[in-house]
PDB file of N, CA and C in Angstrom:
ATOM      1  N   GLY A   1      98.918 111.406 101.845  1.00  0.00           N
ATOM      2  CA  GLY A   1      99.735 110.551 102.646  1.00  0.00           C
ATOM      3  C   GLY A   1     101.162 110.998 102.788  1.00  0.00           C
ATOM      4  N   SER A   2     101.553 112.170 102.272  1.00  0.00           N
ATOM      5  CA  SER A   2     102.949 112.574 102.426  1.00  0.00           C
ATOM      6  C   SER A   2     103.267 112.977 103.855  1.00  0.00           C
ATOM      7  N   SER A   3     102.260 113.349 104.621  1.00  0.00           N
ATOM      8  CA  SER A   3     102.481 113.643 106.041  1.00  0.00           C
ATOM      9  C   SER A   3     101.195 113.357 106.806  1.00  0.00           C
ATOM     10  N   TRP A   4     101.348 113.001 108.060  1.00  0.00           N
ATOM     11  CA  TRP A   4     100.216 112.692 108.919  1.00  0.00           C
ATOM     12  C   TRP A   4     100.327 113.525 110.172  1.00  0.00           C
ATOM     13  N   PHE A   5      99.205 113.811 110.788  1.00  0.00           N
ATOM     14  CA  PHE A   5      99.228 114.579 112.027  1.00  0.00           C
ATOM     15  C   PHE A   5      98.130 114.067 112.941  1.00  0.00           C
ATOM     16  N   GLY A   6      98.225 114.426 114.202  1.00  0.00           N
ATOM     17  CA  GLY A   6      97.205 113.999 115.155  1.00  0.00           C
ATOM     18  C   GLY A   6      97.251 112.505 115.379  1.00  0.00           C
ATOM     19  N   SER A   7      96.100 111.943 115.639  1.00  0.00           N
ATOM     20  CA  SER A   7      95.987 110.502 115.850  1.00  0.00           C
ATOM     21  C   SER A   7      95.889 109.827 114.492  1.00  0.00           C
ATOM     22  N   ASP A   8      97.014 109.362 113.993  1.00  0.00           N
ATOM     23  CA  ASP A   8      97.064 108.864 112.622  1.00  0.00           C
ATOM     24  C   ASP A   8      97.122 107.343 112.512  1.00  0.00           C
ATOM     25  N   THR A   9      96.796 106.639 113.569  1.00  0.00           N
ATOM     26  CA  THR A   9      96.840 105.190 113.530  1.00  0.00           C
ATOM     27  C   THR A   9      95.441 104.630 113.702  1.00  0.00           C
ATOM     28  N   CYS A  10      94.994 103.873 112.728  1.00  0.00           N
ATOM     29  CA  CYS A  10      93.710 103.190 112.818  1.00  0.00           C
ATOM     30  C   CYS A  10      93.964 101.809 113.401  1.00  0.00           C
ATOM     31  N   THR A  11      93.183 101.423 114.390  1.00  0.00           N
ATOM     32  CA  THR A  11      93.379 100.126 115.026  1.00  0.00           C
ATOM     33  C   THR A  11      92.075  99.350 115.063  1.00  0.00           C
ATOM     34  N   GLY A  12      92.163  98.092 115.431  1.00  0.00           N
ATOM     35  CA  GLY A  12      90.980  97.251 115.565  1.00  0.00           C
ATOM     36  C   GLY A  12      90.457  96.765 114.230  1.00  0.00           C
ATOM     37  N   ALA A  13      89.472  95.875 114.319  1.00  0.00           N
ATOM     38  CA  ALA A  13      88.840  95.360 113.099  1.00  0.00           C
ATOM     39  C   ALA A  13      88.105  96.502 112.410  1.00  0.00           C
ATOM     40  N   PRO A  14      88.123  96.618 111.109  1.00  0.00           N
ATOM     41  CA  PRO A  14      88.671  95.684 110.147  1.00  0.00           C
ATOM     42  C   PRO A  14      90.129  95.952 109.789  1.00  0.00           C
ATOM     43  N   ILE A  15      90.757  96.943 110.428  1.00  0.00           N
ATOM     44  CA  ILE A  15      92.142  97.283 110.098  1.00  0.00           C
ATOM     45  C   ILE A  15      93.085  96.121 110.389  1.00  0.00           C
ATOM     46  N   THR A  16      92.914  95.467 111.507  1.00  0.00           N
ATOM     47  CA  THR A  16      93.836  94.404 111.899  1.00  0.00           C
ATOM     48  C   THR A  16      93.328  93.003 111.593  1.00  0.00           C
ATOM     49  N   VAL A  17      92.111  92.872 111.103  1.00  0.00           N
ATOM     50  CA  VAL A  17      91.546  91.556 110.793  1.00  0.00           C
ATOM     51  C   VAL A  17      91.078  91.572 109.339  1.00  0.00           C
ATOM     52  N   HIS A  18      91.895  91.034 108.460  1.00  0.00           N
ATOM     53  CA  HIS A  18      91.533  90.978 107.043  1.00  0.00           C
ATOM     54  C   HIS A  18      92.380  89.923 106.356  1.00  0.00           C
ATOM     55  N   GLY A  19      92.072  89.664 105.112  1.00  0.00           N
ATOM     56  CA  GLY A  19      92.778  88.643 104.355  1.00  0.00           C
ATOM     57  C   GLY A  19      93.985  89.161 103.599  1.00  0.00           C
ATOM     58  N   GLY A  20      94.347  90.408 103.784  1.00  0.00           N
ATOM     59  CA  GLY A  20      95.530  90.953 103.130  1.00  0.00           C
ATOM     60  C   GLY A  20      95.225  92.099 102.196  1.00  0.00           C
ATOM     61  N   ASP A  21      96.279  92.801 101.842  1.00  0.00           N
ATOM     62  CA  ASP A  21      96.233  93.892 100.866  1.00  0.00           C
ATOM     63  C   ASP A  21      95.113  94.899 101.095  1.00  0.00           C
ATOM     64  N   PRO A  22      95.007  95.479 102.288  1.00  0.00           N
ATOM     65  CA  PRO A  22      93.960  96.487 102.484  1.00  0.00           C
ATOM     66  C   PRO A  22      94.258  97.744 101.667  1.00  0.00           C
ATOM     67  N   GLY A  23      93.214  98.422 101.250  1.00  0.00           N
ATOM     68  CA  GLY A  23      93.348  99.705 100.567  1.00  0.00           C
ATOM     69  C   GLY A  23      92.527 100.727 101.322  1.00  0.00           C
ATOM     70  N   ILE A  24      93.048 101.937 101.471  1.00  0.00           N
ATOM     71  CA  ILE A  24      92.300 102.963 102.194  1.00  0.00           C
ATOM     72  C   ILE A  24      92.438 104.295 101.474  1.00  0.00           C
ATOM     73  N   THR A  25      91.368 105.070 101.479  1.00  0.00           N
ATOM     74  CA  THR A  25      91.382 106.415 100.921  1.00  0.00           C
ATOM     75  C   THR A  25      90.482 107.290 101.779  1.00  0.00           C
ATOM     76  N   ILE A  26      90.600 108.580 101.599  1.00  0.00           N
ATOM     77  CA  ILE A  26      89.766 109.542 102.319  1.00  0.00           C
ATOM     78  C   ILE A  26      89.086 110.413 101.276  1.00  0.00           C
ATOM     79  N   ASP A  27      87.749 110.494 101.327  1.00  0.00           N
ATOM     80  CA  ASP A  27      87.040 111.288 100.330  1.00  0.00           C
ATOM     81  C   ASP A  27      87.025 112.766 100.713  1.00  0.00           C
ATOM     82  N   LYS A  28      86.424 113.594  99.874  1.00  0.00           N
ATOM     83  CA  LYS A  28      86.452 115.043 100.078  1.00  0.00           C
ATOM     84  C   LYS A  28      85.749 115.483 101.351  1.00  0.00           C
ATOM     85  N   ASP A  29      84.855 114.633 101.880  1.00  0.00           N
ATOM     86  CA  ASP A  29      84.138 114.959 103.113  1.00  0.00           C
ATOM     87  C   ASP A  29      84.836 114.420 104.356  1.00  0.00           C
ATOM     88  N   GLY A  30      85.993 113.781 104.175  1.00  0.00           N
ATOM     89  CA  GLY A  30      86.741 113.242 105.306  1.00  0.00           C
ATOM     90  C   GLY A  30      86.352 111.830 105.699  1.00  0.00           C
ATOM     91  N   THR A  31      85.528 111.175 104.900  1.00  0.00           N
ATOM     92  CA  THR A  31      85.152 109.792 105.181  1.00  0.00           C
ATOM     93  C   THR A  31      86.283 108.860 104.766  1.00  0.00           C
ATOM     94  N   PHE A  32      86.717 108.008 105.692  1.00  0.00           N
ATOM     95  CA  PHE A  32      87.711 106.987 105.388  1.00  0.00           C
ATOM     96  C   PHE A  32      86.984 105.824 104.724  1.00  0.00           C
ATOM     97  N   ILE A  33      87.539 105.311 103.638  1.00  0.00           N
ATOM     98  CA  ILE A  33      86.964 104.171 102.935  1.00  0.00           C
ATOM     99  C   ILE A  33      88.039 103.098 102.844  1.00  0.00           C
ATOM    100  N   LEU A  34      87.722 101.917 103.326  1.00  0.00           N
ATOM    101  CA  LEU A  34      88.659 100.801 103.369  1.00  0.00           C
ATOM    102  C   LEU A  34      88.123  99.658 102.529  1.00  0.00           C
ATOM    103  N   THR A  35      88.970  99.084 101.673  1.00  0.00           N
ATOM    104  CA  THR A  35      88.640  97.831 101.010  1.00  0.00           C
ATOM    105  C   THR A  35      89.605  96.785 101.530  1.00  0.00           C
ATOM    106  N   ARG A  36      89.128  95.553 101.597  1.00  0.00           N
ATOM    107  CA  ARG A  36      89.971  94.478 102.122  1.00  0.00           C
ATOM    108  C   ARG A  36      89.527  93.144 101.552  1.00  0.00           C
ATOM    109  N   LEU A  37      90.462  92.221 101.525  1.00  0.00           N
ATOM    110  CA  LEU A  37      90.147  90.858 101.143  1.00  0.00           C
ATOM    111  C   LEU A  37      89.553  90.133 102.338  1.00  0.00           C
ATOM    112  N   GLY A  38      88.728  89.137 102.068  1.00  0.00           N
ATOM    113  CA  GLY A  38      88.144  88.337 103.134  1.00  0.00           C
ATOM    114  C   GLY A  38      89.164  87.384 103.735  1.00  0.00           C
ATOM    115  N   THR A  39      88.819  86.841 104.886  1.00  0.00           N
ATOM    116  CA  THR A  39      89.654  85.834 105.530  1.00  0.00           C
ATOM    117  C   THR A  39      88.997  84.474 105.363  1.00  0.00           C
ATOM    118  N   ALA A  40      89.823  83.442 105.243  1.00  0.00           N
ATOM    119  CA  ALA A  40      89.313  82.086 105.034  1.00  0.00           C
ATOM    120  C   ALA A  40      88.348  81.704 106.144  1.00  0.00           C
ATOM    121  N   PRO A  41      87.270  81.062 105.850  1.00  0.00           N
ATOM    122  CA  PRO A  41      86.884  80.514 104.542  1.00  0.00           C
ATOM    123  C   PRO A  41      86.038  81.482 103.713  1.00  0.00           C
ATOM    124  N   PHE A  42      86.021  82.753 104.071  1.00  0.00           N
ATOM    125  CA  PHE A  42      85.180  83.740 103.385  1.00  0.00           C
ATOM    126  C   PHE A  42      86.014  84.552 102.399  1.00  0.00           C
ATOM    127  N   SER A  43      86.136  84.055 101.172  1.00  0.00           N
ATOM    128  CA  SER A  43      86.878  84.807 100.163  1.00  0.00           C
ATOM    129  C   SER A  43      86.022  85.973  99.694  1.00  0.00           C
ATOM    130  N   GLY A  44      86.634  86.881  98.973  1.00  0.00           N
ATOM    131  CA  GLY A  44      85.884  88.004  98.426  1.00  0.00           C
ATOM    132  C   GLY A  44      86.542  89.331  98.711  1.00  0.00           C
ATOM    133  N   LEU A  45      85.835  90.387  98.342  1.00  0.00           N
ATOM    134  CA  LEU A  45      86.292  91.759  98.526  1.00  0.00           C
ATOM    135  C   LEU A  45      85.203  92.517  99.269  1.00  0.00           C
ATOM    136  N   TYR A  46      85.590  93.216 100.321  1.00  0.00           N
ATOM    137  CA  TYR A  46      84.648  93.898 101.199  1.00  0.00           C
ATOM    138  C   TYR A  46      85.082  95.338 101.402  1.00  0.00           C
ATOM    139  N   SER A  47      84.137  96.194 101.786  1.00  0.00           N
ATOM    140  CA  SER A  47      84.481  97.580 102.092  1.00  0.00           C
ATOM    141  C   SER A  47      83.837  97.987 103.411  1.00  0.00           C
ATOM    142  N   HIS A  48      84.438  98.981 104.032  1.00  0.00           N
ATOM    143  CA  HIS A  48      83.950  99.581 105.274  1.00  0.00           C
ATOM    144  C   HIS A  48      84.174 101.083 105.153  1.00  0.00           C
ATOM    145  N   PHE A  49      83.459 101.881 105.942  1.00  0.00           N
ATOM    146  CA  PHE A  49      83.733 103.309 105.971  1.00  0.00           C
ATOM    147  C   PHE A  49      83.724 103.801 107.410  1.00  0.00           C
ATOM    148  N   SER A  50      84.411 104.922 107.626  1.00  0.00           N
ATOM    149  CA  SER A  50      84.477 105.544 108.943  1.00  0.00           C
ATOM    150  C   SER A  50      84.294 107.044 108.778  1.00  0.00           C
ATOM    151  N   THR A  51      83.444 107.624 109.611  1.00  0.00           N
ATOM    152  CA  THR A  51      83.233 109.077 109.585  1.00  0.00           C
ATOM    153  C   THR A  51      83.841 109.751 110.809  1.00  0.00           C
ATOM    154  N   ASP A  52      84.620 108.993 111.598  1.00  0.00           N
ATOM    155  CA  ASP A  52      85.252 109.568 112.792  1.00  0.00           C
ATOM    156  C   ASP A  52      86.759 109.300 112.823  1.00  0.00           C
ATOM    157  N   ASN A  53      87.380 109.457 111.653  1.00  0.00           N
ATOM    158  CA  ASN A  53      88.830 109.305 111.510  1.00  0.00           C
ATOM    159  C   ASN A  53      89.331 107.917 111.875  1.00  0.00           C
ATOM    160  N   GLY A  54      88.535 106.902 111.632  1.00  0.00           N
ATOM    161  CA  GLY A  54      88.967 105.533 111.852  1.00  0.00           C
ATOM    162  C   GLY A  54      88.761 104.998 113.250  1.00  0.00           C
ATOM    163  N   LEU A  55      88.086 105.760 114.115  1.00  0.00           N
ATOM    164  CA  LEU A  55      87.827 105.250 115.466  1.00  0.00           C
ATOM    165  C   LEU A  55      86.832 104.102 115.432  1.00  0.00           C
ATOM    166  N   THR A  56      85.785 104.238 114.629  1.00  0.00           N
ATOM    167  CA  THR A  56      84.801 103.173 114.450  1.00  0.00           C
ATOM    168  C   THR A  56      84.577 102.976 112.958  1.00  0.00           C
ATOM    169  N   TRP A  57      84.105 101.778 112.604  1.00  0.00           N
ATOM    170  CA  TRP A  57      83.920 101.422 111.205  1.00  0.00           C
ATOM    171  C   TRP A  57      82.537 100.849 110.978  1.00  0.00           C
ATOM    172  N   SER A  58      82.032 101.023 109.780  1.00  0.00           N
ATOM    173  CA  SER A  58      80.742 100.452 109.400  1.00  0.00           C
ATOM    174  C   SER A  58      80.834  98.930 109.352  1.00  0.00           C
ATOM    175  N   ASP A  59      79.668  98.290 109.326  1.00  0.00           N
ATOM    176  CA  ASP A  59      79.637  96.866 109.025  1.00  0.00           C
ATOM    177  C   ASP A  59      80.175  96.683 107.615  1.00  0.00           C
ATOM    178  N   GLN A  60      80.585  95.473 107.297  1.00  0.00           N
ATOM    179  CA  GLN A  60      81.149  95.245 105.972  1.00  0.00           C
ATOM    180  C   GLN A  60      80.090  95.308 104.888  1.00  0.00           C
ATOM    181  N   ASN A  61      80.499  95.828 103.756  1.00  0.00           N
ATOM    182  CA  ASN A  61      79.699  95.827 102.540  1.00  0.00           C
ATOM    183  C   ASN A  61      80.356  94.840 101.586  1.00  0.00           C
ATOM    184  N   VAL A  62      79.599  93.904 101.061  1.00  0.00           N
ATOM    185  CA  VAL A  62      80.141  92.905 100.152  1.00  0.00           C
ATOM    186  C   VAL A  62      80.244  93.506  98.755  1.00  0.00           C
ATOM    187  N   ILE A  63      81.442  93.543  98.212  1.00  0.00           N
ATOM    188  CA  ILE A  63      81.647  93.971  96.829  1.00  0.00           C
ATOM    189  C   ILE A  63      81.523  92.756  95.917  1.00  0.00           C
ATOM    190  N   THR A  64      82.207  91.681  96.266  1.00  0.00           N
ATOM    191  CA  THR A  64      82.100  90.412  95.541  1.00  0.00           C
ATOM    192  C   THR A  64      82.539  89.283  96.462  1.00  0.00           C
ATOM    193  N   THR A  65      82.023  88.096  96.216  1.00  0.00           N
ATOM    194  CA  THR A  65      82.474  86.927  96.965  1.00  0.00           C
ATOM    195  C   THR A  65      83.433  86.078  96.131  1.00  0.00           C
ATOM    196  N   ASP A  66      83.807  86.567  94.947  1.00  0.00           N
ATOM    197  CA  ASP A  66      84.812  85.884  94.132  1.00  0.00           C
ATOM    198  C   ASP A  66      86.163  85.953  94.835  1.00  0.00           C
ATOM    199  N   ASP A  67      87.001  84.957  94.608  1.00  0.00           N
ATOM    200  CA  ASP A  67      88.338  84.921  95.188  1.00  0.00           C
ATOM    201  C   ASP A  67      89.240  85.863  94.387  1.00  0.00           C
ATOM    202  N   LEU A  68      89.704  86.932  95.008  1.00  0.00           N
ATOM    203  CA  LEU A  68      90.492  87.954  94.318  1.00  0.00           C
ATOM    204  C   LEU A  68      91.904  88.032  94.877  1.00  0.00           C
ATOM    205  N   GLU A  69      92.779  88.681  94.140  1.00  0.00           N
ATOM    206  CA  GLU A  69      94.183  88.815  94.515  1.00  0.00           C
ATOM    207  C   GLU A  69      94.476  90.082  95.304  1.00  0.00           C
ATOM    208  N   ARG A  70      93.807  91.197  94.997  1.00  0.00           N
ATOM    209  CA  ARG A  70      94.137  92.476  95.621  1.00  0.00           C
ATOM    210  C   ARG A  70      92.879  93.298  95.898  1.00  0.00           C
ATOM    211  N   ALA A  71      93.007  94.162  96.901  1.00  0.00           N
ATOM    212  CA  ALA A  71      91.960  95.144  97.203  1.00  0.00           C
ATOM    213  C   ALA A  71      92.546  96.524  96.938  1.00  0.00           C
ATOM    214  N   ALA A  72      91.824  97.370  96.247  1.00  0.00           N
ATOM    215  CA  ALA A  72      92.287  98.730  95.972  1.00  0.00           C
ATOM    216  C   ALA A  72      91.091  99.666  96.005  1.00  0.00           C
ATOM    217  N   VAL A  73      91.341 100.927  96.322  1.00  0.00           N
ATOM    218  CA  VAL A  73      90.266 101.905  96.406  1.00  0.00           C
ATOM    219  C   VAL A  73      90.807 103.264  95.982  1.00  0.00           C
ATOM    220  N   ALA A  74      89.950 104.086  95.407  1.00  0.00           N
ATOM    221  CA  ALA A  74      90.320 105.446  95.004  1.00  0.00           C
ATOM    222  C   ALA A  74      89.085 106.324  95.100  1.00  0.00           C
ATOM    223  N   THR A  75      89.285 107.614  95.199  1.00  0.00           N
ATOM    224  CA  THR A  75      88.179 108.562  95.183  1.00  0.00           C
ATOM    225  C   THR A  75      88.467 109.613  94.128  1.00  0.00           C
ATOM    226  N   ASP A  76      87.417 110.108  93.500  1.00  0.00           N
ATOM    227  CA  ASP A  76      87.609 111.092  92.433  1.00  0.00           C
ATOM    228  C   ASP A  76      87.375 112.522  92.901  1.00  0.00           C
ATOM    229  N   GLY A  77      87.172 112.711  94.203  1.00  0.00           N
ATOM    230  CA  GLY A  77      87.004 114.063  94.720  1.00  0.00           C
ATOM    231  C   GLY A  77      85.579 114.581  94.679  1.00  0.00           C
ATOM    232  N   HIS A  78      84.616 113.757  94.330  1.00  0.00           N
ATOM    233  CA  HIS A  78      83.212 114.180  94.260  1.00  0.00           C
ATOM    234  C   HIS A  78      82.380 113.514  95.308  1.00  0.00           C
TER     235      HIS A  78
END
């Protein structure tokens, strides 16, 4: 994230529609992985992935439906 190039802005859901504190990372294969909090009345933590630099996103994957404070994501390079 120290520098960006090309089309570096992700738009549309789920980027612009979430309950706050989105987290995003890019794995070694270039897949974007996003975690986000749910929006009321759907609390929880959800994830999405994109294989086209954020142009389109997968359907949501439910991580938990518990009411959480933050969403965070990391990749270990594998």
